[in-house]
Amino acid sequence: MALRRDASKQRCWLNLVRRWQRAQLTVREFCQLHQLSEANFYAWRRVLRERGLLQDLPLPPEEVQSAFVELNVEVEAQVEPVAASAVELVLSERRLLRVRPGFDPATLLCLVRLLEEPAC
């Protein structure tokens, strides 16, 4: 038997999540202020996104996962000077990102964040 969606509960959580987006508080601070369970908040936020009711915004600071990336630079003896070459970044999941000189740094940052975002 399929569970019936509770429209009033969905509307309530949608309003709460939208208020949090505007509040510039961490999820923990917002939940403490409004006496909400963090687990319920995260679960409802995911459900609302899956249902297409919640616009994706950049992740708040407490949810951004930072990581160190190993960078191996190989130096080869060369007779002639060579034009600037690409930088290769090895990302998780065995992905390789090759960046040529002149690539926009802000776009690169967005791309790396997107590629490293965990799958739902």
Protein backbone atom coordinates (compact mmCIF):
# COMPACT_ATOMS: atom_id res chain seq x y z
CA MET A 1 0.00 0.00 0.00
CA ALA A 2 1.49 3.35 -1.01
CA LEU A 3 1.78 6.08 1.58
CA ARG A 4 -0.42 9.09 0.98
CA ARG A 5 1.35 12.43 0.90
CA ASP A 6 0.33 14.77 3.67
CA ALA A 7 -0.04 18.11 1.85
CA SER A 8 -0.18 20.20 5.01
CA LYS A 9 3.00 18.60 6.40
CA GLN A 10 4.75 19.06 3.06
CA ARG A 11 3.68 22.72 2.95
CA CYS A 12 4.88 23.25 6.54
CA TRP A 13 8.33 21.77 5.84
CA LEU A 14 8.63 23.66 2.57
CA ASN A 15 8.00 26.92 4.44
CA LEU A 16 10.53 25.96 7.12
CA VAL A 17 13.25 25.09 4.63
CA ARG A 18 12.65 28.31 2.70
CA ARG A 19 12.88 30.29 5.95
CA TRP A 20 16.17 28.53 6.73
CA GLN A 21 17.51 29.44 3.25
CA ARG A 22 16.86 33.11 3.96
CA ALA A 23 18.01 33.01 7.60
CA GLN A 24 21.75 32.60 6.91
CA LEU A 25 22.01 30.17 9.84
CA THR A 26 23.49 26.72 9.94
CA VAL A 27 21.00 23.86 9.92
CA ARG A 28 21.89 23.11 13.53
CA GLU A 29 21.29 26.72 14.63
CA PHE A 30 18.01 26.92 12.72
CA CYS A 31 16.76 23.61 14.14
CA GLN A 32 17.69 24.58 17.69
CA LEU A 33 15.99 27.96 17.30
CA HIS A 34 12.77 26.34 16.01
CA GLN A 35 13.00 23.17 18.13
CA LEU A 36 13.25 20.89 15.11
CA SER A 37 15.00 17.57 14.69
CA GLU A 38 18.03 17.95 12.41
CA ALA A 39 17.41 14.47 10.99
CA ASN A 40 13.83 15.41 10.05
CA PHE A 41 15.03 18.69 8.55
CA TYR A 42 17.59 16.97 6.30
CA ALA A 43 15.11 14.23 5.34
CA TRP A 44 12.40 16.70 4.39
CA ARG A 45 14.83 18.93 2.52
CA ARG A 46 15.88 15.89 0.45
CA VAL A 47 12.24 14.89 -0.18
CA LEU A 48 11.30 18.42 -1.23
CA ARG A 49 14.22 18.55 -3.67
CA GLU A 50 13.28 15.16 -5.10
CA ARG A 51 9.72 16.35 -5.62
CA GLY A 52 10.99 19.45 -7.42
CA LEU A 53 9.53 21.80 -4.83
CA LEU A 54 12.78 23.24 -3.58
CA GLN A 55 15.24 25.23 -5.62
CA ASP A 56 18.82 24.10 -5.13
CA LEU A 57 20.99 26.75 -3.57
CA PRO A 58 24.71 26.59 -2.85
CA LEU A 59 25.46 24.36 0.11
CA PRO A 60 25.89 26.11 3.45
CA PRO A 61 29.42 26.10 4.91
CA GLU A 62 28.79 23.23 7.33
CA GLU A 63 27.84 20.93 4.46
CA VAL A 64 30.69 21.71 2.09
CA GLN A 65 33.14 18.85 2.17
CA SER A 66 36.69 19.91 1.63
CA ALA A 67 39.44 17.50 0.77
CA PHE A 68 43.11 17.52 -0.02
CA VAL A 69 44.02 16.43 -3.49
CA GLU A 70 47.33 14.78 -4.26
CA LEU A 71 49.22 16.68 -6.91
CA ASN A 72 52.08 14.95 -8.71
CA VAL A 73 54.26 17.13 -10.87
CA GLU A 74 56.44 15.32 -13.35
CA VAL A 75 59.42 17.25 -14.65
CA GLU A 76 61.00 16.12 -17.87
CA ALA A 77 64.22 17.41 -19.37
CA GLN A 78 63.36 19.33 -22.50
CA VAL A 79 65.56 20.87 -25.09
CA GLU A 80 63.09 23.46 -26.39
CA PRO A 81 60.81 25.63 -24.30
CA VAL A 82 57.25 24.36 -24.54
CA ALA A 83 54.07 26.41 -24.42
CA ALA A 84 52.25 26.22 -21.10
CA SER A 85 50.77 22.76 -20.72
CA ALA A 86 47.59 21.55 -19.10
CA VAL A 87 47.29 20.70 -15.42
CA GLU A 88 45.69 17.35 -14.65
CA LEU A 89 43.64 16.83 -11.49
CA VAL A 90 42.84 13.31 -10.38
CA LEU A 91 39.47 13.40 -8.66
CA SER A 92 37.69 10.69 -6.71
CA GLU A 93 36.00 7.88 -8.61
CA ARG A 94 39.07 7.71 -10.89
CA ARG A 95 38.11 10.83 -12.78
CA LEU A 96 40.74 12.94 -14.47
CA LEU A 97 40.22 16.63 -15.09
CA ARG A 98 42.60 18.31 -17.55
CA VAL A 99 42.73 22.10 -17.32
CA ARG A 100 44.46 24.18 -19.95
CA PRO A 101 45.98 27.59 -19.27
CA GLY A 102 43.48 30.42 -19.34
CA PHE A 103 40.58 28.38 -17.94
CA ASP A 104 38.42 30.54 -15.66
CA PRO A 105 39.27 29.79 -11.98
CA ALA A 106 35.70 30.37 -10.75
CA THR A 107 34.32 27.98 -13.35
CA LEU A 108 36.96 25.42 -12.41
CA LEU A 109 35.98 25.66 -8.74
CA CYS A 110 32.30 25.15 -9.59
CA LEU A 111 33.16 22.21 -11.83
CA VAL A 112 35.29 20.47 -9.19
CA ARG A 113 32.57 20.96 -6.56
CA LEU A 114 30.00 19.52 -8.94
CA LEU A 115 32.15 16.50 -9.83
CA GLU A 116 33.04 15.78 -6.20
CA GLU A 117 29.48 16.13 -4.93
CA PRO A 118 28.35 12.81 -3.47
CA ALA A 119 25.62 11.02 -5.37
CA CYS A 120 22.24 10.79 -3.65
